[in-house]
Amino acid sequence: MAVQTFKATAHLQDGVKVITNSRQFELIIDEPKSLGGTDTGMNPVEVLLASLGACQSIVARVYAPKFEVKLDDFRVEVEGDLDLDGFFNKSDVRPGYSDIRYTFIIKTDSPKEKVEEFVRFLESKCPVGDTIANPVNVKLDRIIIEN
């Protein structure tokens, strides 16, 4: 299959509230009040964690039958450590996550060995996990100044 380009837009509103769009879908991203927002949505780093869990869940659904793993329920709990001093320019620590951890909660009567093999495969095929774990080219493409 050829490379597919996905697109999204982010439009800053009042304060730090942002309305994002991709295809016909809209997602409000904001900050909690403790970080200067109005708490009308997840913040960007929470969306990143949710994206990782959602991606792993989708990969699980797609590939479970190939590994003969019956998913009665599948849930991912994701958490990450972020030093806000990096964002607030109070120290030289990086502004992004230093560590991200996740737990799979799988309800199944499939044999443990099959589930473990399936999980190893799942981790290797999650596009969001791969993007977070490996360097990716991120660059500003252009600046458009409107009057």
C-alpha atoms as a PDB file:
ATOM      1  CA  MET A   1       0.000   0.000   0.000  1.00  0.00           C
ATOM      2  CA  ALA A   2       1.240   3.490  -0.802  1.00  0.00           C
ATOM      3  CA  VAL A   3       1.998   6.197   1.705  1.00  0.00           C
ATOM      4  CA  GLN A   4      -1.158   7.947   2.872  1.00  0.00           C
ATOM      5  CA  THR A   5      -1.088  11.525   4.123  1.00  0.00           C
ATOM      6  CA  PHE A   6      -3.299  12.378   7.086  1.00  0.00           C
ATOM      7  CA  LYS A   7      -4.157  15.998   7.868  1.00  0.00           C
ATOM      8  CA  ALA A   8      -5.466  18.001  10.789  1.00  0.00           C
ATOM      9  CA  THR A   9      -5.902  21.667  11.595  1.00  0.00           C
ATOM     10  CA  ALA A  10      -5.718  23.464  14.913  1.00  0.00           C
ATOM     11  CA  HIS A  11      -7.393  26.862  15.355  1.00  0.00           C
ATOM     12  CA  LEU A  12      -6.612  28.859  18.487  1.00  0.00           C
ATOM     13  CA  GLN A  13      -9.701  30.337  20.171  1.00  0.00           C
ATOM     14  CA  ASP A  14      -9.951  32.557  23.261  1.00  0.00           C
ATOM     15  CA  GLY A  15      -7.323  31.830  25.891  1.00  0.00           C
ATOM     16  CA  VAL A  16      -5.628  28.507  25.205  1.00  0.00           C
ATOM     17  CA  LYS A  17      -8.692  26.670  23.876  1.00  0.00           C
ATOM     18  CA  VAL A  18      -8.057  25.125  20.450  1.00  0.00           C
ATOM     19  CA  ILE A  19     -10.561  23.650  18.010  1.00  0.00           C
ATOM     20  CA  THR A  20      -8.971  20.885  15.964  1.00  0.00           C
ATOM     21  CA  ASN A  21     -10.399  19.278  12.846  1.00  0.00           C
ATOM     22  CA  SER A  22      -9.563  16.237  10.797  1.00  0.00           C
ATOM     23  CA  ARG A  23     -11.850  15.090   8.014  1.00  0.00           C
ATOM     24  CA  GLN A  24     -15.395  15.795   9.295  1.00  0.00           C
ATOM     25  CA  PHE A  25     -14.459  15.474  12.980  1.00  0.00           C
ATOM     26  CA  GLU A  26     -13.841  18.168  15.577  1.00  0.00           C
ATOM     27  CA  LEU A  27     -12.014  17.893  18.883  1.00  0.00           C
ATOM     28  CA  ILE A  28     -11.718  20.652  21.480  1.00  0.00           C
ATOM     29  CA  ILE A  29      -8.331  20.775  23.176  1.00  0.00           C
ATOM     30  CA  ASP A  30      -7.777  23.018  26.185  1.00  0.00           C
ATOM     31  CA  GLU A  31      -5.787  23.166  29.392  1.00  0.00           C
ATOM     32  CA  PRO A  32      -7.049  22.635  32.916  1.00  0.00           C
ATOM     33  CA  LYS A  33      -7.707  25.801  34.894  1.00  0.00           C
ATOM     34  CA  SER A  34      -4.512  25.153  36.894  1.00  0.00           C
ATOM     35  CA  LEU A  35      -2.543  25.620  33.649  1.00  0.00           C
ATOM     36  CA  GLY A  36      -4.415  28.690  32.393  1.00  0.00           C
ATOM     37  CA  GLY A  37      -7.218  27.046  30.447  1.00  0.00           C
ATOM     38  CA  THR A  38     -10.967  26.751  30.818  1.00  0.00           C
ATOM     39  CA  ASP A  39     -10.971  22.935  31.129  1.00  0.00           C
ATOM     40  CA  THR A  40     -13.277  22.339  28.137  1.00  0.00           C
ATOM     41  CA  GLY A  41     -11.244  19.432  26.799  1.00  0.00           C
ATOM     42  CA  MET A  42      -8.172  17.281  27.234  1.00  0.00           C
ATOM     43  CA  ASN A  43      -4.867  19.060  26.893  1.00  0.00           C
ATOM     44  CA  PRO A  44      -2.466  18.150  24.055  1.00  0.00           C
ATOM     45  CA  VAL A  45      -0.312  15.807  26.132  1.00  0.00           C
ATOM     46  CA  GLU A  46      -3.423  13.990  27.392  1.00  0.00           C
ATOM     47  CA  VAL A  47      -4.619  13.658  23.798  1.00  0.00           C
ATOM     48  CA  LEU A  48      -1.258  12.075  22.968  1.00  0.00           C
ATOM     49  CA  LEU A  49      -1.722   9.474  25.716  1.00  0.00           C
ATOM     50  CA  ALA A  50      -5.310   8.836  24.620  1.00  0.00           C
ATOM     51  CA  SER A  51      -4.135   8.470  21.006  1.00  0.00           C
ATOM     52  CA  LEU A  52      -1.605   5.835  22.037  1.00  0.00           C
ATOM     53  CA  GLY A  53      -4.227   3.847  23.947  1.00  0.00           C
ATOM     54  CA  ALA A  54      -6.769   4.180  21.140  1.00  0.00           C
ATOM     55  CA  CYS A  55      -4.242   3.106  18.517  1.00  0.00           C
ATOM     56  CA  GLN A  56      -3.218   0.045  20.533  1.00  0.00           C
ATOM     57  CA  SER A  57      -6.897  -0.817  20.993  1.00  0.00           C
ATOM     58  CA  ILE A  58      -7.588  -0.597  17.270  1.00  0.00           C
ATOM     59  CA  VAL A  59      -4.537  -2.723  16.433  1.00  0.00           C
ATOM     60  CA  ALA A  60      -5.729  -5.241  19.021  1.00  0.00           C
ATOM     61  CA  ARG A  61      -9.175  -5.463  17.430  1.00  0.00           C
ATOM     62  CA  VAL A  62      -7.741  -5.847  13.917  1.00  0.00           C
ATOM     63  CA  TYR A  63      -5.118  -8.491  14.736  1.00  0.00           C
ATOM     64  CA  ALA A  64      -6.667 -10.536  17.571  1.00  0.00           C
ATOM     65  CA  PRO A  65      -8.400 -12.980  15.180  1.00  0.00           C
ATOM     66  CA  LYS A  66      -5.130 -13.670  13.342  1.00  0.00           C
ATOM     67  CA  PHE A  67      -3.585 -14.753  16.664  1.00  0.00           C
ATOM     68  CA  GLU A  68      -6.718 -16.667  17.683  1.00  0.00           C
ATOM     69  CA  VAL A  69      -7.165 -14.400  20.683  1.00  0.00           C
ATOM     70  CA  LYS A  70     -10.771 -13.735  21.626  1.00  0.00           C
ATOM     71  CA  LEU A  71     -11.165 -10.278  23.113  1.00  0.00           C
ATOM     72  CA  ASP A  72     -14.116 -10.173  25.497  1.00  0.00           C
ATOM     73  CA  ASP A  73     -12.830  -6.783  26.630  1.00  0.00           C
ATOM     74  CA  PHE A  74      -9.688  -4.762  25.953  1.00  0.00           C
ATOM     75  CA  ARG A  75      -8.675  -1.605  27.782  1.00  0.00           C
ATOM     76  CA  VAL A  76      -5.475   0.420  27.915  1.00  0.00           C
ATOM     77  CA  GLU A  77      -4.442   2.622  30.836  1.00  0.00           C
ATOM     78  CA  VAL A  78      -1.754   5.120  29.822  1.00  0.00           C
ATOM     79  CA  GLU A  79       0.223   7.570  31.949  1.00  0.00           C
ATOM     80  CA  GLY A  80       3.257   9.735  31.373  1.00  0.00           C
ATOM     81  CA  ASP A  81       5.732  11.865  33.303  1.00  0.00           C
ATOM     82  CA  LEU A  82       6.256  15.425  32.131  1.00  0.00           C
ATOM     83  CA  ASP A  83       8.362  18.069  33.878  1.00  0.00           C
ATOM     84  CA  LEU A  84       6.432  21.335  33.462  1.00  0.00           C
ATOM     85  CA  ASP A  85       9.616  23.327  34.127  1.00  0.00           C
ATOM     86  CA  GLY A  86      10.615  22.504  30.551  1.00  0.00           C
ATOM     87  CA  PHE A  87       7.403  23.982  29.118  1.00  0.00           C
ATOM     88  CA  PHE A  88       7.509  27.026  31.385  1.00  0.00           C
ATOM     89  CA  ASN A  89      11.209  27.586  30.507  1.00  0.00           C
ATOM     90  CA  LYS A  90      12.259  27.351  34.154  1.00  0.00           C
ATOM     91  CA  SER A  91      15.023  24.810  33.493  1.00  0.00           C
ATOM     92  CA  ASP A  92      16.764  23.011  30.645  1.00  0.00           C
ATOM     93  CA  VAL A  93      14.710  19.817  30.971  1.00  0.00           C
ATOM     94  CA  ARG A  94      12.885  18.759  27.839  1.00  0.00           C
ATOM     95  CA  PRO A  95       9.299  20.035  27.537  1.00  0.00           C
ATOM     96  CA  GLY A  96       7.927  16.654  26.495  1.00  0.00           C
ATOM     97  CA  TYR A  97       7.319  13.361  28.249  1.00  0.00           C
ATOM     98  CA  SER A  98      10.332  11.642  29.762  1.00  0.00           C
ATOM     99  CA  ASP A  99       8.475   8.371  30.339  1.00  0.00           C
ATOM    100  CA  ILE A 100       5.206   6.863  29.140  1.00  0.00           C
ATOM    101  CA  ARG A 101       3.799   3.674  30.643  1.00  0.00           C
ATOM    102  CA  TYR A 102       0.756   1.662  29.669  1.00  0.00           C
ATOM    103  CA  THR A 103      -1.106  -1.346  30.942  1.00  0.00           C
ATOM    104  CA  PHE A 104      -3.247  -3.679  28.862  1.00  0.00           C
ATOM    105  CA  ILE A 105      -6.294  -5.086  30.638  1.00  0.00           C
ATOM    106  CA  ILE A 106      -7.455  -8.013  28.507  1.00  0.00           C
ATOM    107  CA  LYS A 107     -10.501 -10.112  29.275  1.00  0.00           C
ATOM    108  CA  THR A 108     -10.101 -13.383  27.392  1.00  0.00           C
ATOM    109  CA  ASP A 109     -10.192 -17.119  27.816  1.00  0.00           C
ATOM    110  CA  SER A 110      -7.416 -17.537  25.233  1.00  0.00           C
ATOM    111  CA  PRO A 111      -4.205 -19.291  26.357  1.00  0.00           C
ATOM    112  CA  LYS A 112      -1.624 -17.042  28.034  1.00  0.00           C
ATOM    113  CA  GLU A 113       1.065 -17.931  25.457  1.00  0.00           C
ATOM    114  CA  LYS A 114      -1.165 -16.813  22.561  1.00  0.00           C
ATOM    115  CA  VAL A 115      -2.032 -13.581  24.361  1.00  0.00           C
ATOM    116  CA  GLU A 116       1.631 -12.799  25.062  1.00  0.00           C
ATOM    117  CA  GLU A 117       2.596 -13.451  21.419  1.00  0.00           C
ATOM    118  CA  PHE A 118      -0.318 -11.278  20.296  1.00  0.00           C
ATOM    119  CA  VAL A 119       0.716  -8.429  22.639  1.00  0.00           C
ATOM    120  CA  ARG A 120       4.320  -8.486  21.358  1.00  0.00           C
ATOM    121  CA  PHE A 121       2.995  -8.191  17.805  1.00  0.00           C
ATOM    122  CA  LEU A 122       0.473  -5.511  18.779  1.00  0.00           C
ATOM    123  CA  GLU A 123       3.226  -3.350  20.274  1.00  0.00           C
ATOM    124  CA  SER A 124       5.247  -3.623  17.054  1.00  0.00           C
ATOM    125  CA  LYS A 125       2.376  -2.503  14.793  1.00  0.00           C
ATOM    126  CA  CYS A 126       0.880   0.500  16.601  1.00  0.00           C
ATOM    127  CA  PRO A 127       1.592   3.585  14.419  1.00  0.00           C
ATOM    128  CA  VAL A 128       1.221   6.027  17.327  1.00  0.00           C
ATOM    129  CA  GLY A 129       3.523   3.979  19.558  1.00  0.00           C
ATOM    130  CA  ASP A 130       6.065   3.758  16.751  1.00  0.00           C
ATOM    131  CA  THR A 131       5.869   7.515  16.154  1.00  0.00           C
ATOM    132  CA  ILE A 132       6.442   8.271  19.841  1.00  0.00           C
ATOM    133  CA  ALA A 133       9.225   5.703  20.292  1.00  0.00           C
ATOM    134  CA  ASN A 134      11.263   6.531  17.192  1.00  0.00           C
ATOM    135  CA  PRO A 135      12.593   9.753  15.709  1.00  0.00           C
ATOM    136  CA  VAL A 136      10.308  11.321  13.123  1.00  0.00           C
ATOM    137  CA  ASN A 137      10.979  14.288  10.854  1.00  0.00           C
ATOM    138  CA  VAL A 138       8.987  17.220  12.231  1.00  0.00           C
ATOM    139  CA  LYS A 139       9.485  20.576  10.546  1.00  0.00           C
ATOM    140  CA  LEU A 140       7.757  23.860   9.962  1.00  0.00           C
ATOM    141  CA  ASP A 141       6.691  23.768   6.304  1.00  0.00           C
ATOM    142  CA  ARG A 142       5.892  27.477   5.870  1.00  0.00           C
ATOM    143  CA  ILE A 143       4.598  30.627   7.554  1.00  0.00           C
ATOM    144  CA  ILE A 144       1.647  32.452   6.041  1.00  0.00           C
ATOM    145  CA  ILE A 145       1.104  35.998   7.302  1.00  0.00           C
ATOM    146  CA  GLU A 146      -2.377  37.377   6.729  1.00  0.00           C
ATOM    147  CA  ASN A 147      -3.396  41.016   7.130  1.00  0.00           C
END
